[in-house]
Protein backbone atom coordinates (compact mmCIF):
# COMPACT_ATOMS: atom_id res chain seq x y z
CA MET A 1 34.70 3.90 18.31
CA THR A 2 30.95 4.64 20.22
CA ALA A 3 29.97 7.50 17.99
CA LEU A 4 30.37 4.69 15.30
CA VAL A 5 28.22 2.31 17.28
CA LEU A 6 25.53 4.97 17.87
CA ALA A 7 25.42 5.98 14.36
CA LEU A 8 24.90 2.32 13.24
CA ALA A 9 22.41 1.76 15.86
CA ALA A 10 20.43 5.01 14.73
CA GLY A 11 20.47 4.59 11.34
CA ALA A 12 18.97 1.04 11.43
CA VAL A 13 15.93 2.37 13.12
CA VAL A 14 15.63 5.28 10.99
CA GLY A 15 15.48 2.80 7.69
CA VAL A 16 13.06 0.42 9.41
CA ALA A 17 10.83 3.13 10.29
CA LEU A 18 11.15 4.76 6.32
CA GLY A 19 10.73 1.14 4.89
CA ALA A 20 7.79 0.22 6.98
CA LEU A 21 5.99 3.32 7.14
CA GLY A 22 7.26 5.36 4.23
CA GLY A 23 8.21 8.08 6.89
CA GLY A 24 9.39 9.17 9.94
CA GLY A 25 13.00 8.37 9.49
CA SER A 26 14.16 12.15 9.39
CA VAL A 27 11.87 12.74 12.47
CA LEU A 28 13.75 10.38 13.91
CA ALA A 29 17.16 11.15 12.39
CA VAL A 30 17.02 14.43 13.09
CA PRO A 31 16.88 14.18 16.72
CA ALA A 32 19.70 11.09 16.83
CA LEU A 33 22.06 13.53 15.36
CA ILE A 34 21.96 16.20 17.56
CA TYR A 35 21.80 14.27 20.91
CA LEU A 36 23.53 11.09 20.29
CA LEU A 37 26.27 12.37 17.60
CA GLY A 38 26.68 16.23 18.53
CA LEU A 39 25.95 17.83 15.42
CA THR A 40 23.97 21.47 15.58
CA PRO A 41 20.29 21.83 14.40
CA ALA A 42 21.45 23.38 11.16
CA ALA A 43 24.15 20.68 10.33
CA ALA A 44 21.46 17.98 11.33
CA THR A 45 18.84 18.77 9.37
CA THR A 46 21.20 19.00 6.21
CA ALA A 47 22.78 15.45 7.44
CA SER A 48 19.06 14.01 8.01
CA LEU A 49 18.24 15.07 4.17
CA LEU A 50 20.99 13.31 2.63
CA ILE A 51 20.52 10.20 4.83
CA VAL A 52 16.66 10.16 4.07
CA THR A 53 17.33 10.71 0.30
CA ALA A 54 19.39 7.67 0.14
CA THR A 55 17.02 5.43 2.14
CA SER A 56 13.65 6.54 0.47
CA LEU A 57 15.26 5.83 -2.80
CA THR A 58 16.13 2.55 -1.95
CA ALA A 59 12.72 1.79 0.07
CA LEU A 60 10.64 3.17 -2.90
CA THR A 61 12.36 0.55 -5.27
CA ALA A 62 11.33 -1.98 -2.58
CA HIS A 63 7.31 -0.90 -2.48
CA ALA A 64 7.30 -0.17 -6.15
CA ARG A 65 8.16 -3.86 -6.77
CA ALA A 66 5.29 -4.64 -5.00
CA GLY A 67 2.91 -2.56 -6.32
CA HIS A 68 2.48 0.26 -3.66
CA VAL A 69 3.20 3.02 -5.24
CA ARG A 70 0.54 5.63 -7.06
CA TRP A 71 2.78 7.10 -9.51
CA ARG A 72 0.37 9.81 -10.76
CA ALA A 73 -0.64 11.17 -7.71
CA GLY A 74 2.80 11.00 -6.28
CA ALA A 75 4.10 12.93 -8.92
CA LEU A 76 1.58 15.81 -8.48
CA LEU A 77 2.68 15.93 -4.80
CA ALA A 78 6.08 15.95 -5.39
CA ALA A 79 6.16 18.74 -8.20
CA ALA A 80 4.09 20.96 -6.21
CA GLY A 81 6.34 20.68 -3.24
CA LEU A 82 9.89 21.07 -5.09
CA LEU A 83 9.49 25.24 -5.04
CA PRO A 84 8.29 25.42 -1.57
CA ALA A 85 11.16 22.87 -0.27
CA ALA A 86 13.95 25.05 -2.15
CA ALA A 87 12.70 28.38 -0.75
CA ALA A 88 11.92 27.02 2.78
CA GLY A 89 15.46 25.19 2.70
CA ALA A 90 17.03 28.51 1.81
CA ALA A 91 15.20 30.28 4.59
CA ALA A 92 16.03 27.42 7.23
CA THR A 93 19.78 28.33 7.11
CA ARG A 94 18.92 31.98 8.45
CA LEU A 95 17.09 30.77 11.44
CA PRO A 96 18.11 30.71 15.04
CA GLN A 97 18.91 26.93 16.06
CA ALA A 98 16.45 26.96 18.99
CA ALA A 99 13.85 28.14 16.90
CA LEU A 100 14.35 24.95 14.70
CA THR A 101 14.33 22.80 17.42
CA GLY A 102 11.27 23.94 18.85
CA ALA A 103 9.27 24.18 15.37
CA PHE A 104 10.53 20.51 14.60
CA ALA A 105 9.02 19.33 17.96
CA VAL A 106 5.81 21.31 17.54
CA VAL A 107 5.30 19.62 14.21
CA ALA A 108 6.34 15.88 15.34
CA GLY A 109 4.09 16.21 17.91
CA VAL A 110 1.06 17.40 15.38
CA ALA A 111 1.93 14.25 13.30
CA ALA A 112 1.59 12.01 16.19
CA VAL A 113 -1.57 12.79 16.80
CA LEU A 114 -2.56 12.83 13.31
CA MET A 115 -1.10 9.35 12.77
CA LEU A 116 -3.20 7.90 16.14
CA ARG A 117 -6.18 9.16 14.62
CA ALA A 118 -6.32 8.55 11.13
CA THR A 119 -8.05 5.73 9.87
CA PRO A 120 -7.18 4.11 6.64
CA ALA A 121 -9.49 4.19 3.81
CA TRP A 122 -8.77 0.55 2.26
CA GLY A 123 -9.29 0.17 -1.43
CA THR A 124 -9.96 3.76 -2.40
CA PRO A 125 -9.58 4.12 -6.29
CA ALA A 126 -6.48 6.49 -7.44
CA SER A 127 -9.07 8.16 -9.74
CA ALA A 128 -10.75 9.39 -6.37
CA VAL A 129 -7.64 11.94 -5.66
CA ARG A 130 -8.30 15.35 -6.39
CA PRO A 131 -5.69 17.35 -8.13
CA VAL A 132 -6.22 20.70 -6.32
CA ARG A 133 -6.30 18.97 -2.86
CA ALA A 134 -3.26 16.75 -3.75
CA ALA A 135 -1.50 19.88 -5.05
CA GLY A 136 -2.42 21.84 -1.81
CA THR A 137 -1.03 18.80 0.42
CA GLY A 138 2.21 18.78 -1.81
CA ALA A 139 3.08 22.19 -1.54
CA GLY A 140 2.96 22.23 2.13
CA LEU A 141 4.72 19.10 2.70
CA GLY A 142 7.67 20.35 0.76
CA ALA A 143 7.87 23.52 2.66
CA LEU A 144 8.13 21.70 5.77
CA THR A 145 10.92 19.45 4.35
CA GLY A 146 12.88 22.37 3.20
CA LEU A 147 12.61 24.61 6.54
CA LEU A 148 12.69 21.38 8.97
CA GLY A 149 15.17 18.90 7.30
CA VAL A 150 12.85 16.20 7.31
CA GLY A 151 11.72 14.37 4.25
CA GLY A 152 8.08 15.02 5.01
CA GLY A 153 6.78 11.35 4.99
CA PHE A 154 5.70 11.37 8.69
CA LEU A 155 3.23 13.78 7.70
CA ALA A 156 3.03 12.54 4.08
CA VAL A 157 1.44 9.48 4.88
CA PRO A 158 -1.30 10.71 7.72
CA ALA A 159 -1.97 13.25 4.75
CA LEU A 160 -2.54 10.79 2.00
CA VAL A 161 -4.66 8.90 4.13
CA THR A 162 -6.78 11.36 5.96
CA VAL A 163 -6.87 13.96 3.18
CA LEU A 164 -6.48 11.89 0.15
CA ALA A 165 -7.98 8.81 0.98
CA PHE A 166 -5.33 6.29 0.36
CA GLU A 167 -5.30 2.78 1.60
CA MET A 168 -2.28 2.60 4.21
CA ARG A 169 0.59 0.38 1.56
CA ALA A 170 -0.34 2.74 -1.20
CA ALA A 171 0.26 5.65 1.11
CA VAL A 172 3.72 4.41 2.60
CA GLY A 173 4.89 3.46 -0.99
CA THR A 174 3.70 6.87 -2.62
CA SER A 175 4.86 9.10 0.14
CA LEU A 176 8.48 7.64 -0.60
CA LEU A 177 8.33 9.05 -3.89
CA VAL A 178 7.13 12.44 -2.38
CA ILE A 179 10.13 12.36 0.28
CA SER A 180 12.85 12.03 -2.38
CA ALA A 181 11.79 14.41 -4.41
CA ASN A 182 11.58 16.98 -1.84
CA SER A 183 14.60 16.01 0.04
CA LEU A 184 16.42 16.58 -3.36
CA ALA A 185 14.83 19.96 -3.84
CA SER A 186 15.94 20.85 -0.41
CA LEU A 187 19.44 19.75 -0.26
CA ALA A 188 19.99 21.91 -3.31
CA THR A 189 19.69 25.19 -1.07
CA ARG A 190 21.65 23.86 1.66
CA GLY A 191 25.41 23.65 0.15
CA ALA A 192 26.75 25.96 2.77
CA THR A 193 25.88 23.85 5.87
CA THR A 194 27.68 20.51 4.45
CA ALA A 195 31.03 21.84 5.76
CA GLU A 196 29.86 21.47 9.16
CA LEU A 197 28.77 17.68 8.65
CA GLY A 198 30.86 14.73 10.26
CA TRP A 199 31.07 12.40 7.30
CA ALA A 200 32.68 9.44 9.68
CA VAL A 201 29.28 9.56 11.25
CA ILE A 202 26.77 10.52 8.90
CA ALA A 203 28.19 7.65 5.95
CA PRO A 204 27.53 4.84 8.66
CA PHE A 205 24.58 6.09 9.48
CA ALA A 206 23.25 6.05 5.88
CA GLY A 207 24.49 2.85 5.19
CA ALA A 208 22.60 1.33 8.27
CA ALA A 209 19.50 3.22 7.37
CA ILE A 210 19.63 1.50 3.92
CA LEU A 211 19.85 -1.74 5.08
CA GLY A 212 17.29 -1.33 7.47
CA ALA A 213 14.68 0.19 5.16
CA TRP A 214 14.63 -3.50 3.26
CA ASP A 215 13.88 -4.82 6.80
CA GLY A 216 11.08 -2.44 6.98
CA LYS A 217 9.77 -3.40 4.01
CA ARG A 218 9.65 -7.13 5.29
CA LEU A 219 7.94 -6.02 8.20
CA ALA A 220 5.34 -3.90 7.00
CA ALA A 221 4.25 -7.07 4.95
CA LYS A 222 3.70 -8.77 8.21
CA VAL A 223 2.33 -6.22 11.00
CA SER A 224 -0.70 -4.31 9.94
CA GLY A 225 -0.76 -1.11 9.18
CA THR A 226 -2.59 -0.01 12.20
CA ALA A 227 -0.24 -0.97 14.57
CA LEU A 228 2.77 0.01 12.67
CA ARG A 229 1.32 3.61 12.76
CA ARG A 230 0.41 3.57 16.27
CA ALA A 231 3.70 2.10 17.70
CA PHE A 232 5.70 4.88 15.85
CA ALA A 233 3.22 7.94 16.85
CA VAL A 234 3.68 6.84 20.26
CA VAL A 235 7.75 7.19 19.91
CA LEU A 236 6.90 10.20 17.98
CA LEU A 237 5.28 11.61 20.76
CA ALA A 238 7.94 11.10 23.31
CA VAL A 239 10.77 12.59 20.88
CA SER A 240 8.40 15.83 20.57
CA ALA A 241 8.06 16.32 24.32
CA PHE A 242 11.90 16.02 24.67
CA MET A 243 12.72 18.13 22.03
CA LEU A 244 10.16 20.87 22.89
CA ALA A 245 11.41 20.87 26.63
CA ASP A 246 15.07 21.20 25.22
CA ALA A 247 14.44 24.32 23.05
CA VAL A 248 12.25 25.98 26.11
CA TRP A 249 14.40 25.14 28.62
């Protein structure tokens, strides 16, 4: 019963993060699956991809209805990340557990700093997106998705804001398209690790996350993007420090 309650609570938080910020769900899901629910890092990253894929598609529907998805730029980012996500996903199954945890912690810390420093460029037109820069960004996000079992949204949002000059709401909505595509590509290479998954906790975790995504979308409409981003970055820094300490010591 305790595991079920923890799964539901963690899933709700992950869903709210994805719905409100267009990312961050997986960077919270992985440590929750490891430290609260007892999964190995390899199993946790695979479970995170399953959960985040389902939740991202739900949140994407809500943001698309609100007109916050730039489909052309998002499709370019997603397409560029498919092969790197699949290749990195295959490589991740051969890495030591401590290395995965340490790498995840470092990337989470970098993402937190980016989110704290990012300044939204409101009203930038979609035509301003440069294809080469977008493709490079998408490839990098895809590789991180495959390697660390994250959807990439916690990096996609600051990248879309700072590198491609998206306004915050468009960055949130478009990142969900990228997350969904990258997660599906990475999952295709992780069939071997699905045997380790505890479906009794993953199913309620995913269900709570999907419901939370709708609440997150409503929250994003009421609270400024800057406030949401900064609050999440602070949580992300704390998670990063904890995981890095665990990997080292």
